[in-house]
Every structure is written in structure tokens, then in C-alpha cells.
Amino acid sequence: MLLPILLTPDLRAQPKTISLNYSNLLPANHKISLVSEEWCREIEKRTNGGVKITMFHGGTLTPATQAYDGVVKGLSDVAMSVFSYHRGRFPLTEFSDLPIGVKSCVTAAKLF
């Protein structure tokens, strides 16, 4: 009587892997893309494979100007873009696109 129960496959819920798509506007060999790839691997490692992120570089999943809409519409789960491509949607971040009186890009880079 116990034998059928012992031979029955494990019916407990198996953990599901969460698959996420990451839309990246930059080419795969860009330094930021390389760091992003490492971030994806770290997420997978820290979740013991529970979260798997697939990167799509160079705007192949969604163009940079449509990255936000792509996330909203479910085309991607994560997206990298530039706030200035989405004027009016993120008003608190738009200050970073305005000239702030610095004399060179080197000085500006140090500020940010």
C-alpha cells in the first residue's frame, strides 16, 4: 500500500525560474554593457538560478527612444535608456540634462 506513494513523482511545487528581458541601448562591447552583463550574472548567482536575465544589446529589443514604453507594454522587463529621450516623463531627473555653468565636460563628469 505504501509502494505507490513512494513511486509517485514529487508533487510538491518546484521553484520556477523567473526570466527577465533587459533592453540595452548600448552595444555589447561597451563598458557599461559589460558591467550590466556582470550584474545579470550576479543576480542569477544570488538567486541560485531563480532569476535569469537575458540582455538584448544595441536597441535590438526596443530602440532607446522607446525603452520606457517597452517596459510599460511588457516588451522588456528592464531597460537602459537616457532620460532626455523621454522628455516630460521624469521631470525630477531633467535637471541633469540642463547646462549648469560648468566650463568643460571633464568638470561636468566629476560632478556626476
N, C-alpha and C. Protein backbone atom coordinates (compact mmCIF):
# COMPACT_ATOMS: atom_id res chain seq x y z
N MET A 1 0.82 -1.18 0.00
CA MET A 1 0.00 0.00 0.00
C MET A 1 0.87 1.27 0.00
N LEU A 2 2.00 1.23 0.61
CA LEU A 2 2.91 2.37 0.66
C LEU A 2 3.72 2.51 -0.62
N LEU A 3 3.88 1.41 -1.35
CA LEU A 3 4.70 1.42 -2.57
C LEU A 3 4.23 2.43 -3.61
N PRO A 4 2.93 2.52 -3.94
CA PRO A 4 2.51 3.52 -4.94
C PRO A 4 2.86 4.95 -4.52
N ILE A 5 2.78 5.22 -3.23
CA ILE A 5 3.10 6.56 -2.75
C ILE A 5 4.60 6.82 -2.91
N LEU A 6 5.41 5.85 -2.62
CA LEU A 6 6.85 6.02 -2.75
C LEU A 6 7.30 6.15 -4.20
N LEU A 7 6.56 5.54 -5.11
CA LEU A 7 6.93 5.59 -6.53
C LEU A 7 6.34 6.80 -7.26
N THR A 8 5.44 7.52 -6.61
CA THR A 8 4.83 8.69 -7.22
C THR A 8 5.86 9.81 -7.29
N PRO A 9 5.95 10.50 -8.44
CA PRO A 9 6.90 11.61 -8.53
C PRO A 9 6.57 12.69 -7.50
N ASP A 10 7.57 13.43 -7.14
CA ASP A 10 7.40 14.51 -6.16
C ASP A 10 6.38 15.51 -6.69
N LEU A 11 5.29 15.67 -5.98
CA LEU A 11 4.21 16.55 -6.42
C LEU A 11 4.29 17.94 -5.79
N ARG A 12 5.31 18.15 -4.98
CA ARG A 12 5.46 19.48 -4.40
C ARG A 12 5.79 20.48 -5.51
N ALA A 13 5.39 21.71 -5.28
CA ALA A 13 5.67 22.76 -6.27
C ALA A 13 7.17 22.95 -6.41
N GLN A 14 7.64 22.90 -7.62
CA GLN A 14 9.05 23.14 -7.89
C GLN A 14 9.26 24.64 -8.08
N PRO A 15 10.37 25.17 -7.58
CA PRO A 15 10.60 26.60 -7.76
C PRO A 15 10.70 26.95 -9.25
N LYS A 16 10.02 28.02 -9.62
CA LYS A 16 10.06 28.47 -11.01
C LYS A 16 11.20 29.45 -11.20
N THR A 17 11.78 29.37 -12.38
CA THR A 17 12.80 30.35 -12.74
C THR A 17 12.09 31.56 -13.32
N ILE A 18 12.43 32.73 -12.84
CA ILE A 18 11.88 33.97 -13.37
C ILE A 18 12.81 34.42 -14.48
N SER A 19 12.27 34.58 -15.67
CA SER A 19 13.05 35.04 -16.82
C SER A 19 12.71 36.48 -17.12
N LEU A 20 13.73 37.32 -17.18
CA LEU A 20 13.55 38.74 -17.47
C LEU A 20 14.32 39.12 -18.72
N ASN A 21 13.75 40.02 -19.50
CA ASN A 21 14.42 40.56 -20.69
C ASN A 21 14.89 41.97 -20.39
N TYR A 22 16.14 42.23 -20.72
CA TYR A 22 16.79 43.51 -20.44
C TYR A 22 17.13 44.17 -21.77
N SER A 23 16.47 45.29 -22.05
CA SER A 23 16.72 46.04 -23.28
C SER A 23 17.79 47.09 -23.02
N ASN A 24 18.90 46.96 -23.72
CA ASN A 24 20.04 47.84 -23.51
C ASN A 24 20.30 48.63 -24.79
N LEU A 25 20.38 49.94 -24.68
CA LEU A 25 20.61 50.75 -25.86
C LEU A 25 22.04 50.69 -26.37
N LEU A 26 22.97 50.26 -25.53
CA LEU A 26 24.40 50.28 -25.88
C LEU A 26 24.83 48.99 -26.56
N PRO A 27 25.92 49.04 -27.34
CA PRO A 27 26.44 47.81 -27.95
C PRO A 27 27.01 46.87 -26.87
N ALA A 28 27.08 45.61 -27.20
CA ALA A 28 27.52 44.58 -26.24
C ALA A 28 28.93 44.82 -25.71
N ASN A 29 29.79 45.43 -26.51
CA ASN A 29 31.18 45.61 -26.09
C ASN A 29 31.41 46.93 -25.32
N HIS A 30 30.38 47.72 -25.09
CA HIS A 30 30.51 48.96 -24.33
C HIS A 30 30.78 48.61 -22.86
N LYS A 31 31.57 49.44 -22.20
CA LYS A 31 31.93 49.17 -20.80
C LYS A 31 30.71 49.05 -19.89
N ILE A 32 29.73 49.90 -20.12
CA ILE A 32 28.51 49.82 -19.29
C ILE A 32 27.77 48.52 -19.56
N SER A 33 27.76 48.07 -20.81
CA SER A 33 27.12 46.79 -21.13
C SER A 33 27.84 45.63 -20.45
N LEU A 34 29.15 45.69 -20.41
CA LEU A 34 29.92 44.63 -19.76
C LEU A 34 29.61 44.58 -18.26
N VAL A 35 29.48 45.74 -17.64
CA VAL A 35 29.12 45.79 -16.22
C VAL A 35 27.69 45.29 -16.03
N SER A 36 26.81 45.64 -16.95
CA SER A 36 25.42 45.18 -16.88
C SER A 36 25.34 43.66 -17.00
N GLU A 37 26.15 43.09 -17.87
CA GLU A 37 26.20 41.63 -18.01
C GLU A 37 26.65 40.99 -16.69
N GLU A 38 27.64 41.59 -16.07
CA GLU A 38 28.12 41.09 -14.78
C GLU A 38 27.02 41.19 -13.72
N TRP A 39 26.26 42.28 -13.75
CA TRP A 39 25.14 42.46 -12.83
C TRP A 39 24.12 41.35 -13.03
N CYS A 40 23.82 41.02 -14.27
CA CYS A 40 22.87 39.94 -14.57
C CYS A 40 23.37 38.61 -14.01
N ARG A 41 24.65 38.33 -14.20
CA ARG A 41 25.22 37.09 -13.67
C ARG A 41 25.17 37.07 -12.13
N GLU A 42 25.40 38.22 -11.53
CA GLU A 42 25.36 38.30 -10.06
C GLU A 42 23.94 38.05 -9.54
N ILE A 43 22.95 38.59 -10.23
CA ILE A 43 21.55 38.35 -9.85
C ILE A 43 21.24 36.86 -9.93
N GLU A 44 21.65 36.23 -11.02
CA GLU A 44 21.41 34.80 -11.19
C GLU A 44 22.11 33.99 -10.08
N LYS A 45 23.32 34.39 -9.76
CA LYS A 45 24.10 33.70 -8.72
C LYS A 45 23.43 33.85 -7.35
N ARG A 46 23.05 35.08 -7.02
CA ARG A 46 22.48 35.34 -5.69
C ARG A 46 21.09 34.74 -5.51
N THR A 47 20.41 34.44 -6.62
CA THR A 47 19.09 33.82 -6.54
C THR A 47 19.17 32.32 -6.80
N ASN A 48 20.40 31.80 -6.84
CA ASN A 48 20.61 30.37 -7.12
C ASN A 48 19.90 29.93 -8.40
N GLY A 49 19.99 30.77 -9.41
CA GLY A 49 19.37 30.47 -10.70
C GLY A 49 17.88 30.74 -10.74
N GLY A 50 17.34 31.33 -9.69
CA GLY A 50 15.90 31.62 -9.64
C GLY A 50 15.49 32.76 -10.55
N VAL A 51 16.43 33.64 -10.87
CA VAL A 51 16.17 34.76 -11.78
C VAL A 51 17.22 34.72 -12.88
N LYS A 52 16.76 34.67 -14.11
CA LYS A 52 17.64 34.64 -15.29
C LYS A 52 17.32 35.86 -16.13
N ILE A 53 18.35 36.68 -16.40
CA ILE A 53 18.15 37.90 -17.18
C ILE A 53 18.86 37.75 -18.52
N THR A 54 18.10 37.94 -19.59
CA THR A 54 18.65 37.90 -20.94
C THR A 54 18.78 39.32 -21.45
N MET A 55 20.00 39.70 -21.83
CA MET A 55 20.24 41.06 -22.33
C MET A 55 20.12 41.11 -23.84
N PHE A 56 19.51 42.19 -24.30
CA PHE A 56 19.41 42.49 -25.72
C PHE A 56 20.11 43.83 -25.93
N HIS A 57 21.27 43.79 -26.57
CA HIS A 57 22.11 44.98 -26.72
C HIS A 57 21.77 45.75 -27.99
N GLY A 58 22.25 46.98 -28.02
CA GLY A 58 22.17 47.80 -29.22
C GLY A 58 20.76 48.16 -29.65
N GLY A 59 19.83 48.20 -28.70
CA GLY A 59 18.46 48.56 -29.04
C GLY A 59 17.74 47.52 -29.87
N THR A 60 18.18 46.26 -29.81
CA THR A 60 17.57 45.23 -30.64
C THR A 60 16.19 44.80 -30.14
N LEU A 61 15.92 44.93 -28.86
CA LEU A 61 14.60 44.59 -28.34
C LEU A 61 13.67 45.79 -28.44
N THR A 62 14.13 46.93 -27.96
CA THR A 62 13.40 48.19 -28.14
C THR A 62 14.42 49.29 -28.40
N PRO A 63 14.14 50.18 -29.34
CA PRO A 63 15.04 51.31 -29.56
C PRO A 63 15.13 52.16 -28.28
N ALA A 64 16.23 52.85 -28.11
CA ALA A 64 16.45 53.64 -26.90
C ALA A 64 15.32 54.63 -26.64
N THR A 65 14.79 55.22 -27.69
CA THR A 65 13.72 56.21 -27.52
C THR A 65 12.39 55.58 -27.13
N GLN A 66 12.30 54.26 -27.21
CA GLN A 66 11.06 53.56 -26.85
C GLN A 66 11.26 52.61 -25.66
N ALA A 67 12.38 52.73 -24.97
CA ALA A 67 12.70 51.82 -23.87
C ALA A 67 11.66 51.87 -22.75
N TYR A 68 11.28 53.06 -22.35
CA TYR A 68 10.29 53.19 -21.27
C TYR A 68 8.96 52.57 -21.69
N ASP A 69 8.49 52.91 -22.88
CA ASP A 69 7.24 52.34 -23.37
C ASP A 69 7.33 50.83 -23.49
N GLY A 70 8.50 50.33 -23.85
CA GLY A 70 8.70 48.89 -23.96
C GLY A 70 8.50 48.18 -22.63
N VAL A 71 8.96 48.80 -21.55
CA VAL A 71 8.76 48.22 -20.22
C VAL A 71 7.29 48.30 -19.83
N VAL A 72 6.69 49.46 -20.06
CA VAL A 72 5.28 49.65 -19.71
C VAL A 72 4.40 48.65 -20.46
N LYS A 73 4.70 48.39 -21.72
CA LYS A 73 3.89 47.48 -22.54
C LYS A 73 4.28 46.02 -22.38
N GLY A 74 5.33 45.75 -21.60
CA GLY A 74 5.73 44.37 -21.35
C GLY A 74 6.65 43.77 -22.39
N LEU A 75 7.19 44.59 -23.29
CA LEU A 75 8.15 44.08 -24.28
C LEU A 75 9.47 43.72 -23.61
N SER A 76 9.81 44.45 -22.56
CA SER A 76 11.01 44.15 -21.78
C SER A 76 10.66 44.34 -20.31
N ASP A 77 11.46 43.74 -19.46
CA ASP A 77 11.24 43.86 -18.03
C ASP A 77 12.16 44.90 -17.41
N VAL A 78 13.31 45.09 -18.03
CA VAL A 78 14.33 46.04 -17.58
C VAL A 78 14.81 46.76 -18.83
N ALA A 79 15.11 48.04 -18.72
CA ALA A 79 15.62 48.77 -19.88
C ALA A 79 16.62 49.82 -19.44
N MET A 80 17.62 50.02 -20.29
CA MET A 80 18.58 51.09 -20.08
C MET A 80 18.36 52.11 -21.18
N SER A 81 18.18 53.35 -20.77
CA SER A 81 17.97 54.41 -21.75
C SER A 81 18.56 55.69 -21.20
N VAL A 82 18.20 56.79 -21.80
CA VAL A 82 18.66 58.11 -21.40
C VAL A 82 17.42 58.93 -21.10
N PHE A 83 17.39 59.57 -19.94
CA PHE A 83 16.20 60.32 -19.56
C PHE A 83 15.81 61.37 -20.59
N SER A 84 16.77 61.98 -21.24
CA SER A 84 16.44 63.04 -22.20
C SER A 84 15.69 62.50 -23.41
N TYR A 85 15.68 61.18 -23.62
CA TYR A 85 14.88 60.60 -24.70
C TYR A 85 13.40 60.55 -24.33
N HIS A 86 13.08 60.84 -23.08
CA HIS A 86 11.71 60.70 -22.59
C HIS A 86 11.26 62.00 -21.93
N ARG A 87 11.42 63.10 -22.64
CA ARG A 87 11.10 64.43 -22.11
C ARG A 87 9.71 64.49 -21.50
N GLY A 88 9.65 65.06 -20.30
CA GLY A 88 8.38 65.27 -19.63
C GLY A 88 7.92 64.10 -18.78
N ARG A 89 8.50 62.94 -18.96
CA ARG A 89 8.06 61.76 -18.19
C ARG A 89 8.75 61.66 -16.84
N PHE A 90 9.94 62.18 -16.74
CA PHE A 90 10.71 62.10 -15.50
C PHE A 90 11.23 63.50 -15.15
N PRO A 91 10.33 64.41 -14.79
CA PRO A 91 10.73 65.81 -14.62
C PRO A 91 11.79 66.04 -13.54
N LEU A 92 11.82 65.23 -12.52
CA LEU A 92 12.81 65.44 -11.46
C LEU A 92 14.23 65.09 -11.90
N THR A 93 14.36 64.34 -12.97
CA THR A 93 15.70 63.99 -13.45
C THR A 93 16.17 64.89 -14.58
N GLU A 94 15.27 65.70 -15.13
CA GLU A 94 15.64 66.51 -16.29
C GLU A 94 16.66 67.59 -15.96
N PHE A 95 16.81 67.92 -14.69
CA PHE A 95 17.81 68.93 -14.33
C PHE A 95 19.20 68.50 -14.77
N SER A 96 19.45 67.21 -14.81
CA SER A 96 20.80 66.73 -15.15
C SER A 96 21.13 66.95 -16.62
N ASP A 97 20.12 67.23 -17.44
CA ASP A 97 20.35 67.49 -18.86
C ASP A 97 20.52 68.98 -19.16
N LEU A 98 20.30 69.81 -18.17
CA LEU A 98 20.38 71.25 -18.39
C LEU A 98 21.81 71.75 -18.19
N PRO A 99 22.18 72.79 -18.93
CA PRO A 99 23.51 73.36 -18.70
C PRO A 99 23.57 73.94 -17.29
N ILE A 100 24.65 73.65 -16.60
CA ILE A 100 24.73 74.10 -15.20
C ILE A 100 25.90 75.04 -14.96
N GLY A 101 26.46 75.58 -16.02
CA GLY A 101 27.51 76.57 -15.86
C GLY A 101 28.90 76.01 -15.69
N VAL A 102 29.12 74.75 -16.02
CA VAL A 102 30.47 74.22 -15.95
C VAL A 102 31.21 74.54 -17.23
N LYS A 103 32.52 74.66 -17.14
CA LYS A 103 33.30 75.11 -18.29
C LYS A 103 33.80 73.99 -19.18
N SER A 104 33.73 72.73 -18.71
CA SER A 104 34.22 71.64 -19.55
C SER A 104 33.49 70.35 -19.21
N CYS A 105 33.55 69.41 -20.14
CA CYS A 105 32.91 68.11 -19.91
C CYS A 105 33.65 67.34 -18.81
N VAL A 106 34.93 67.61 -18.64
CA VAL A 106 35.70 66.95 -17.58
C VAL A 106 35.15 67.37 -16.21
N THR A 107 34.91 68.66 -16.05
CA THR A 107 34.34 69.17 -14.81
C THR A 107 32.94 68.60 -14.59
N ALA A 108 32.14 68.58 -15.64
CA ALA A 108 30.78 68.03 -15.54
C ALA A 108 30.81 66.57 -15.15
N ALA A 109 31.73 65.81 -15.71
CA ALA A 109 31.84 64.38 -15.38
C ALA A 109 32.18 64.18 -13.91
N LYS A 110 33.00 65.07 -13.37
CA LYS A 110 33.36 64.97 -11.96
C LYS A 110 32.17 65.27 -11.05
N LEU A 111 31.28 66.13 -11.52
CA LEU A 111 30.09 66.46 -10.74
C LEU A 111 29.12 65.30 -10.66
N PHE A 112 29.08 64.53 -11.73
CA PHE A 112 28.13 63.43 -11.77
C PHE A 112 28.85 62.15 -11.55
